[in-house]
Amino acid sequence: MKCSIISKDIFTPKQILGETFVLIEDDLIVDVRDKNENGYTPIDLRNYKVIPGLIDMHIHGINGYDTMDGSLVSMDEISRCLA
């Protein structure tokens, strides 16, 4: 599948690009361009900020313990599991 994401703010490691297209083929980013290419289905995300490649890796707990419990026991067990 080929699609393109357009956003008014696309964040790259070096700069913030305005009104730009991120071209995607088979779930991989292949290019970033000023205009859409033929054959790419556009997805309009101009109301959102786009950060290509960002993976948000965070957790709230592990092994049945959760930080939202608000207990020292949970925090201690989470720390032990992740150490």
PDB file of N, CA and C in Angstrom:
ATOM      1  N   MET A   1       0.829  -1.176   0.000  1.00  0.00           N
ATOM      2  CA  MET A   1       0.000   0.000   0.000  1.00  0.00           C
ATOM      3  C   MET A   1       0.879   1.247   0.000  1.00  0.00           C
ATOM      4  N   LYS A   2       0.466   2.232  -0.762  1.00  0.00           N
ATOM      5  CA  LYS A   2       1.192   3.496  -0.837  1.00  0.00           C
ATOM      6  C   LYS A   2       0.281   4.619  -0.357  1.00  0.00           C
ATOM      7  N   CYS A   3       0.749   5.355   0.639  1.00  0.00           N
ATOM      8  CA  CYS A   3      -0.020   6.496   1.119  1.00  0.00           C
ATOM      9  C   CYS A   3       0.938   7.618   1.488  1.00  0.00           C
ATOM     10  N   SER A   4       0.372   8.791   1.667  1.00  0.00           N
ATOM     11  CA  SER A   4       1.174   9.939   2.093  1.00  0.00           C
ATOM     12  C   SER A   4       0.435  10.640   3.220  1.00  0.00           C
ATOM     13  N   ILE A   5       1.196  11.117   4.174  1.00  0.00           N
ATOM     14  CA  ILE A   5       0.636  11.871   5.290  1.00  0.00           C
ATOM     15  C   ILE A   5       1.037  13.322   5.100  1.00  0.00           C
ATOM     16  N   ILE A   6       0.038  14.202   5.121  1.00  0.00           N
ATOM     17  CA  ILE A   6       0.341  15.634   5.053  1.00  0.00           C
ATOM     18  C   ILE A   6       0.056  16.242   6.421  1.00  0.00           C
ATOM     19  N   SER A   7       0.962  17.099   6.842  1.00  0.00           N
ATOM     20  CA  SER A   7       0.807  17.796   8.115  1.00  0.00           C
ATOM     21  C   SER A   7       1.394  19.187   7.982  1.00  0.00           C
ATOM     22  N   LYS A   8       0.864  20.117   8.773  1.00  0.00           N
ATOM     23  CA  LYS A   8       1.452  21.465   8.736  1.00  0.00           C
ATOM     24  C   LYS A   8       2.752  21.522   9.509  1.00  0.00           C
ATOM     25  N   ASP A   9       2.959  20.561  10.425  1.00  0.00           N
ATOM     26  CA  ASP A   9       4.205  20.483  11.193  1.00  0.00           C
ATOM     27  C   ASP A   9       4.720  19.050  11.181  1.00  0.00           C
ATOM     28  N   ILE A  10       5.835  18.826  10.481  1.00  0.00           N
ATOM     29  CA  ILE A  10       6.481  17.521  10.477  1.00  0.00           C
ATOM     30  C   ILE A  10       7.870  17.707  11.084  1.00  0.00           C
ATOM     31  N   PHE A  11       8.093  17.028  12.186  1.00  0.00           N
ATOM     32  CA  PHE A  11       9.340  17.164  12.937  1.00  0.00           C
ATOM     33  C   PHE A  11      10.358  16.139  12.447  1.00  0.00           C
ATOM     34  N   THR A  12      11.540  16.606  12.087  1.00  0.00           N
ATOM     35  CA  THR A  12      12.640  15.720  11.708  1.00  0.00           C
ATOM     36  C   THR A  12      13.753  15.928  12.738  1.00  0.00           C
ATOM     37  N   PRO A  13      14.789  15.094  12.712  1.00  0.00           N
ATOM     38  CA  PRO A  13      15.881  15.297  13.676  1.00  0.00           C
ATOM     39  C   PRO A  13      16.558  16.664  13.561  1.00  0.00           C
ATOM     40  N   LYS A  14      16.462  17.311  12.385  1.00  0.00           N
ATOM     41  CA  LYS A  14      17.190  18.559  12.168  1.00  0.00           C
ATOM     42  C   LYS A  14      16.323  19.806  12.072  1.00  0.00           C
ATOM     43  N   GLN A  15      15.029  19.632  11.763  1.00  0.00           N
ATOM     44  CA  GLN A  15      14.193  20.804  11.552  1.00  0.00           C
ATOM     45  C   GLN A  15      12.713  20.456  11.643  1.00  0.00           C
ATOM     46  N   ILE A  16      11.876  21.498  11.650  1.00  0.00           N
ATOM     47  CA  ILE A  16      10.433  21.319  11.579  1.00  0.00           C
ATOM     48  C   ILE A  16      10.008  21.772  10.194  1.00  0.00           C
ATOM     49  N   LEU A  17       9.406  20.865   9.446  1.00  0.00           N
ATOM     50  CA  LEU A  17       8.964  21.167   8.095  1.00  0.00           C
ATOM     51  C   LEU A  17       7.495  21.547   8.108  1.00  0.00           C
ATOM     52  N   GLY A  18       7.129  22.523   7.306  1.00  0.00           N
ATOM     53  CA  GLY A  18       5.735  22.941   7.216  1.00  0.00           C
ATOM     54  C   GLY A  18       5.078  22.394   5.964  1.00  0.00           C
ATOM     55  N   GLU A  19       3.793  22.071   6.056  1.00  0.00           N
ATOM     56  CA  GLU A  19       2.971  21.617   4.917  1.00  0.00           C
ATOM     57  C   GLU A  19       3.756  20.673   4.001  1.00  0.00           C
ATOM     58  N   THR A  20       4.092  19.522   4.536  1.00  0.00           N
ATOM     59  CA  THR A  20       4.948  18.555   3.860  1.00  0.00           C
ATOM     60  C   THR A  20       4.288  17.186   3.840  1.00  0.00           C
ATOM     61  N   PHE A  21       4.661  16.364   2.876  1.00  0.00           N
ATOM     62  CA  PHE A  21       4.128  15.008   2.728  1.00  0.00           C
ATOM     63  C   PHE A  21       5.176  13.970   3.135  1.00  0.00           C
ATOM     64  N   VAL A  22       4.771  13.032   3.957  1.00  0.00           N
ATOM     65  CA  VAL A  22       5.597  11.871   4.299  1.00  0.00           C
ATOM     66  C   VAL A  22       5.078  10.722   3.438  1.00  0.00           C
ATOM     67  N   LEU A  23       5.919  10.212   2.535  1.00  0.00           N
ATOM     68  CA  LEU A  23       5.507   9.125   1.641  1.00  0.00           C
ATOM     69  C   LEU A  23       5.799   7.782   2.291  1.00  0.00           C
ATOM     70  N   ILE A  24       4.798   6.902   2.276  1.00  0.00           N
ATOM     71  CA  ILE A  24       4.898   5.599   2.929  1.00  0.00           C
ATOM     72  C   ILE A  24       4.556   4.502   1.940  1.00  0.00           C
ATOM     73  N   GLU A  25       5.397   3.469   1.890  1.00  0.00           N
ATOM     74  CA  GLU A  25       5.145   2.286   1.064  1.00  0.00           C
ATOM     75  C   GLU A  25       5.327   1.050   1.929  1.00  0.00           C
ATOM     76  N   ASP A  26       4.319   0.195   1.949  1.00  0.00           N
ATOM     77  CA  ASP A  26       4.389  -1.052   2.713  1.00  0.00           C
ATOM     78  C   ASP A  26       4.863  -0.824   4.141  1.00  0.00           C
ATOM     79  N   ASP A  27       4.270   0.165   4.818  1.00  0.00           N
ATOM     80  CA  ASP A  27       4.539   0.485   6.231  1.00  0.00           C
ATOM     81  C   ASP A  27       5.921   1.075   6.493  1.00  0.00           C
ATOM     82  N   LEU A  28       6.640   1.501   5.469  1.00  0.00           N
ATOM     83  CA  LEU A  28       7.958   2.116   5.641  1.00  0.00           C
ATOM     84  C   LEU A  28       7.967   3.531   5.073  1.00  0.00           C
ATOM     85  N   ILE A  29       8.592   4.458   5.784  1.00  0.00           N
ATOM     86  CA  ILE A  29       8.763   5.815   5.266  1.00  0.00           C
ATOM     87  C   ILE A  29       9.812   5.767   4.168  1.00  0.00           C
ATOM     88  N   VAL A  30       9.450   6.238   2.976  1.00  0.00           N
ATOM     89  CA  VAL A  30      10.390   6.196   1.855  1.00  0.00           C
ATOM     90  C   VAL A  30      10.910   7.581   1.461  1.00  0.00           C
ATOM     91  N   ASP A  31      10.168   8.643   1.827  1.00  0.00           N
ATOM     92  CA  ASP A  31      10.616   9.975   1.461  1.00  0.00           C
ATOM     93  C   ASP A  31       9.766  11.031   2.163  1.00  0.00           C
ATOM     94  N   VAL A  32      10.287  12.249   2.185  1.00  0.00           N
ATOM     95  CA  VAL A  32       9.546  13.408   2.666  1.00  0.00           C
ATOM     96  C   VAL A  32       9.663  14.459   1.579  1.00  0.00           C
ATOM     97  N   ARG A  33       8.502  14.954   1.077  1.00  0.00           N
ATOM     98  CA  ARG A  33       8.514  15.871  -0.069  1.00  0.00           C
ATOM     99  C   ARG A  33       7.551  17.031   0.135  1.00  0.00           C
ATOM    100  N   ASP A  34       7.743  18.045  -0.693  1.00  0.00           N
ATOM    101  CA  ASP A  34       6.876  19.228  -0.644  1.00  0.00           C
ATOM    102  C   ASP A  34       5.522  18.996  -1.294  1.00  0.00           C
ATOM    103  N   LYS A  35       5.407  17.964  -2.131  1.00  0.00           N
ATOM    104  CA  LYS A  35       4.129  17.683  -2.801  1.00  0.00           C
ATOM    105  C   LYS A  35       3.870  16.182  -2.825  1.00  0.00           C
ATOM    106  N   ASN A  36       2.599  15.835  -2.977  1.00  0.00           N
ATOM    107  CA  ASN A  36       2.231  14.427  -3.031  1.00  0.00           C
ATOM    108  C   ASN A  36       2.643  13.836  -4.374  1.00  0.00           C
ATOM    109  N   GLU A  37       2.921  12.566  -4.400  1.00  0.00           N
ATOM    110  CA  GLU A  37       3.293  11.879  -5.629  1.00  0.00           C
ATOM    111  C   GLU A  37       2.098  11.085  -6.155  1.00  0.00           C
ATOM    112  N   ASN A  38       2.045  10.873  -7.463  1.00  0.00           N
ATOM    113  CA  ASN A  38       0.985  10.065  -8.058  1.00  0.00           C
ATOM    114  C   ASN A  38       1.009   8.658  -7.485  1.00  0.00           C
ATOM    115  N   GLY A  39      -0.163   8.102  -7.219  1.00  0.00           N
ATOM    116  CA  GLY A  39      -0.253   6.748  -6.717  1.00  0.00           C
ATOM    117  C   GLY A  39      -0.245   6.633  -5.202  1.00  0.00           C
ATOM    118  N   TYR A  40      -0.052   7.750  -4.500  1.00  0.00           N
ATOM    119  CA  TYR A  40      -0.049   7.754  -3.040  1.00  0.00           C
ATOM    120  C   TYR A  40      -1.386   8.309  -2.540  1.00  0.00           C
ATOM    121  N   THR A  41      -2.082   7.531  -1.735  1.00  0.00           N
ATOM    122  CA  THR A  41      -3.344   7.982  -1.153  1.00  0.00           C
ATOM    123  C   THR A  41      -3.044   8.948  -0.014  1.00  0.00           C
ATOM    124  N   PRO A  42      -3.537  10.201  -0.118  1.00  0.00           N
ATOM    125  CA  PRO A  42      -3.215  11.179   0.926  1.00  0.00           C
ATOM    126  C   PRO A  42      -4.044  10.976   2.202  1.00  0.00           C
ATOM    127  N   ILE A  43      -3.390  11.180   3.339  1.00  0.00           N
ATOM    128  CA  ILE A  43      -4.044  11.178   4.644  1.00  0.00           C
ATOM    129  C   ILE A  43      -3.792  12.555   5.240  1.00  0.00           C
ATOM    130  N   ASP A  44      -4.863  13.312   5.433  1.00  0.00           N
ATOM    131  CA  ASP A  44      -4.738  14.693   5.887  1.00  0.00           C
ATOM    132  C   ASP A  44      -4.675  14.756   7.409  1.00  0.00           C
ATOM    133  N   LEU A  45      -3.494  15.087   7.928  1.00  0.00           N
ATOM    134  CA  LEU A  45      -3.283  15.242   9.369  1.00  0.00           C
ATOM    135  C   LEU A  45      -2.812  16.655   9.692  1.00  0.00           C
ATOM    136  N   ARG A  46      -3.317  17.632   8.935  1.00  0.00           N
ATOM    137  CA  ARG A  46      -2.876  19.013   9.140  1.00  0.00           C
ATOM    138  C   ARG A  46      -3.256  19.577  10.504  1.00  0.00           C
ATOM    139  N   ASN A  47      -4.187  18.941  11.188  1.00  0.00           N
ATOM    140  CA  ASN A  47      -4.551  19.395  12.535  1.00  0.00           C
ATOM    141  C   ASN A  47      -3.679  18.764  13.611  1.00  0.00           C
ATOM    142  N   TYR A  48      -2.697  17.959  13.195  1.00  0.00           N
ATOM    143  CA  TYR A  48      -1.843  17.235  14.133  1.00  0.00           C
ATOM    144  C   TYR A  48      -0.368  17.498  13.835  1.00  0.00           C
ATOM    145  N   LYS A  49       0.453  17.272  14.821  1.00  0.00           N
ATOM    146  CA  LYS A  49       1.899  17.307  14.625  1.00  0.00           C
ATOM    147  C   LYS A  49       2.356  15.886  14.302  1.00  0.00           C
ATOM    148  N   VAL A  50       3.233  15.745  13.334  1.00  0.00           N
ATOM    149  CA  VAL A  50       3.704  14.432  12.893  1.00  0.00           C
ATOM    150  C   VAL A  50       5.198  14.318  13.193  1.00  0.00           C
ATOM    151  N   ILE A  51       5.574  13.211  13.831  1.00  0.00           N
ATOM    152  CA  ILE A  51       6.977  12.948  14.149  1.00  0.00           C
ATOM    153  C   ILE A  51       7.309  11.567  13.573  1.00  0.00           C
ATOM    154  N   PRO A  52       7.713  11.500  12.290  1.00  0.00           N
ATOM    155  CA  PRO A  52       7.967  10.208  11.651  1.00  0.00           C
ATOM    156  C   PRO A  52       9.009   9.387  12.402  1.00  0.00           C
ATOM    157  N   GLY A  53       8.709   8.133  12.627  1.00  0.00           N
ATOM    158  CA  GLY A  53       9.659   7.219  13.238  1.00  0.00           C
ATOM    159  C   GLY A  53       9.671   7.209  14.750  1.00  0.00           C
ATOM    160  N   LEU A  54       8.916   8.115  15.396  1.00  0.00           N
ATOM    161  CA  LEU A  54       8.899   8.142  16.854  1.00  0.00           C
ATOM    162  C   LEU A  54       8.187   6.908  17.391  1.00  0.00           C
ATOM    163  N   ILE A  55       8.809   6.250  18.326  1.00  0.00           N
ATOM    164  CA  ILE A  55       8.191   5.124  19.013  1.00  0.00           C
ATOM    165  C   ILE A  55       8.098   5.507  20.480  1.00  0.00           C
ATOM    166  N   ASP A  56       6.883   5.612  20.967  1.00  0.00           N
ATOM    167  CA  ASP A  56       6.658   6.007  22.355  1.00  0.00           C
ATOM    168  C   ASP A  56       6.710   4.763  23.230  1.00  0.00           C
ATOM    169  N   MET A  57       7.862   4.547  23.862  1.00  0.00           N
ATOM    170  CA  MET A  57       8.032   3.361  24.702  1.00  0.00           C
ATOM    171  C   MET A  57       8.014   3.765  26.169  1.00  0.00           C
ATOM    172  N   HIS A  58       6.891   3.548  26.783  1.00  0.00           N
ATOM    173  CA  HIS A  58       6.812   3.766  28.221  1.00  0.00           C
ATOM    174  C   HIS A  58       5.809   2.770  28.788  1.00  0.00           C
ATOM    175  N   ILE A  59       5.899   2.543  30.071  1.00  0.00           N
ATOM    176  CA  ILE A  59       4.993   1.597  30.712  1.00  0.00           C
ATOM    177  C   ILE A  59       4.433   2.220  31.988  1.00  0.00           C
ATOM    178  N   HIS A  60       3.345   1.643  32.446  1.00  0.00           N
ATOM    179  CA  HIS A  60       2.750   2.066  33.712  1.00  0.00           C
ATOM    180  C   HIS A  60       2.856   0.967  34.754  1.00  0.00           C
ATOM    181  N   GLY A  61       3.383  -0.176  34.351  1.00  0.00           N
ATOM    182  CA  GLY A  61       3.505  -1.268  35.303  1.00  0.00           C
ATOM    183  C   GLY A  61       4.023  -2.529  34.638  1.00  0.00           C
ATOM    184  N   ILE A  62       4.137  -3.590  35.447  1.00  0.00           N
ATOM    185  CA  ILE A  62       4.631  -4.876  34.959  1.00  0.00           C
ATOM    186  C   ILE A  62       4.268  -5.947  35.990  1.00  0.00           C
ATOM    187  N   ASN A  63       4.034  -7.145  35.502  1.00  0.00           N
ATOM    188  CA  ASN A  63       3.752  -8.315  36.365  1.00  0.00           C
ATOM    189  C   ASN A  63       2.626  -8.070  37.369  1.00  0.00           C
ATOM    190  N   GLY A  64       1.586  -7.361  36.938  1.00  0.00           N
ATOM    191  CA  GLY A  64       0.439  -7.135  37.818  1.00  0.00           C
ATOM    192  C   GLY A  64       0.565  -5.940  38.743  1.00  0.00           C
ATOM    193  N   TYR A  65       1.688  -5.235  38.694  1.00  0.00           N
ATOM    194  CA  TYR A  65       1.884  -4.041  39.517  1.00  0.00           C
ATOM    195  C   TYR A  65       1.784  -2.815  38.621  1.00  0.00           C
ATOM    196  N   ASP A  66       1.186  -1.742  39.123  1.00  0.00           N
ATOM    197  CA  ASP A  66       0.932  -0.562  38.318  1.00  0.00           C
ATOM    198  C   ASP A  66       1.315   0.698  39.091  1.00  0.00           C
ATOM    199  N   THR A  67       1.926   1.654  38.397  1.00  0.00           N
ATOM    200  CA  THR A  67       2.289   2.912  39.064  1.00  0.00           C
ATOM    201  C   THR A  67       1.046   3.656  39.553  1.00  0.00           C
ATOM    202  N   MET A  68      -0.077   3.419  38.904  1.00  0.00           N
ATOM    203  CA  MET A  68      -1.307   4.101  39.287  1.00  0.00           C
ATOM    204  C   MET A  68      -1.866   3.586  40.621  1.00  0.00           C
ATOM    205  N   ASP A  69      -1.314   2.466  41.102  1.00  0.00           N
ATOM    206  CA  ASP A  69      -1.714   1.974  42.430  1.00  0.00           C
ATOM    207  C   ASP A  69      -1.345   2.979  43.508  1.00  0.00           C
ATOM    208  N   GLY A  70      -0.278   3.717  43.277  1.00  0.00           N
ATOM    209  CA  GLY A  70       0.190   4.698  44.243  1.00  0.00           C
ATOM    210  C   GLY A  70       0.789   4.086  45.503  1.00  0.00           C
ATOM    211  N   SER A  71       1.263   2.849  45.379  1.00  0.00           N
ATOM    212  CA  SER A  71       1.822   2.197  46.563  1.00  0.00           C
ATOM    213  C   SER A  71       3.323   1.979  46.409  1.00  0.00           C
ATOM    214  N   LEU A  72       4.016   2.004  47.529  1.00  0.00           N
ATOM    215  CA  LEU A  72       5.453   1.744  47.511  1.00  0.00           C
ATOM    216  C   LEU A  72       5.743   0.308  47.103  1.00  0.00           C
ATOM    217  N   VAL A  73       4.854  -0.612  47.455  1.00  0.00           N
ATOM    218  CA  VAL A  73       5.041  -2.017  47.084  1.00  0.00           C
ATOM    219  C   VAL A  73       5.059  -2.145  45.557  1.00  0.00           C
ATOM    220  N   SER A  74       4.102  -1.500  44.885  1.00  0.00           N
ATOM    221  CA  SER A  74       4.065  -1.559  43.420  1.00  0.00           C
ATOM    222  C   SER A  74       5.325  -0.961  42.813  1.00  0.00           C
ATOM    223  N   MET A  75       5.753   0.199  43.297  1.00  0.00           N
ATOM    224  CA  MET A  75       6.948   0.828  42.757  1.00  0.00           C
ATOM    225  C   MET A  75       8.180  -0.036  42.973  1.00  0.00           C
ATOM    226  N   ASP A  76       8.254  -0.675  44.138  1.00  0.00           N
ATOM    227  CA  ASP A  76       9.391  -1.551  44.447  1.00  0.00           C
ATOM    228  C   ASP A  76       9.409  -2.761  43.519  1.00  0.00           C
ATOM    229  N   GLU A  77       8.247  -3.384  43.319  1.00  0.00           N
ATOM    230  CA  GLU A  77       8.174  -4.562  42.455  1.00  0.00           C
ATOM    231  C   GLU A  77       8.445  -4.201  40.994  1.00  0.00           C
ATOM    232  N   ILE A  78       7.946  -3.083  40.528  1.00  0.00           N
ATOM    233  CA  ILE A  78       8.218  -2.621  39.155  1.00  0.00           C
ATOM    234  C   ILE A  78       9.719  -2.409  38.990  1.00  0.00           C
ATOM    235  N   SER A  79      10.337  -1.769  39.979  1.00  0.00           N
ATOM    236  CA  SER A  79      11.785  -1.532  39.927  1.00  0.00           C
ATOM    237  C   SER A  79      12.563  -2.826  39.885  1.00  0.00           C
ATOM    238  N   ARG A  80      12.156  -3.806  40.683  1.00  0.00           N
ATOM    239  CA  ARG A  80      12.836  -5.106  40.686  1.00  0.00           C
ATOM    240  C   ARG A  80      12.737  -5.807  39.330  1.00  0.00           C
ATOM    241  N   CYS A  81      11.552  -5.746  38.726  1.00  0.00           N
ATOM    242  CA  CYS A  81      11.348  -6.409  37.442  1.00  0.00           C
ATOM    243  C   CYS A  81      12.150  -5.775  36.314  1.00  0.00           C
ATOM    244  N   LEU A  82      12.330  -4.472  36.389  1.00  0.00           N
ATOM    245  CA  LEU A  82      13.006  -3.749  35.307  1.00  0.00           C
ATOM    246  C   LEU A  82      14.508  -3.629  35.511  1.00  0.00           C
ATOM    247  N   ALA A  83      14.989  -3.985  36.700  1.00  0.00           N
ATOM    248  CA  ALA A  83      16.415  -3.856  36.986  1.00  0.00           C
ATOM    249  C   ALA A  83      17.225  -4.917  36.275  1.00  0.00           C
TER     250      ALA A  83
END
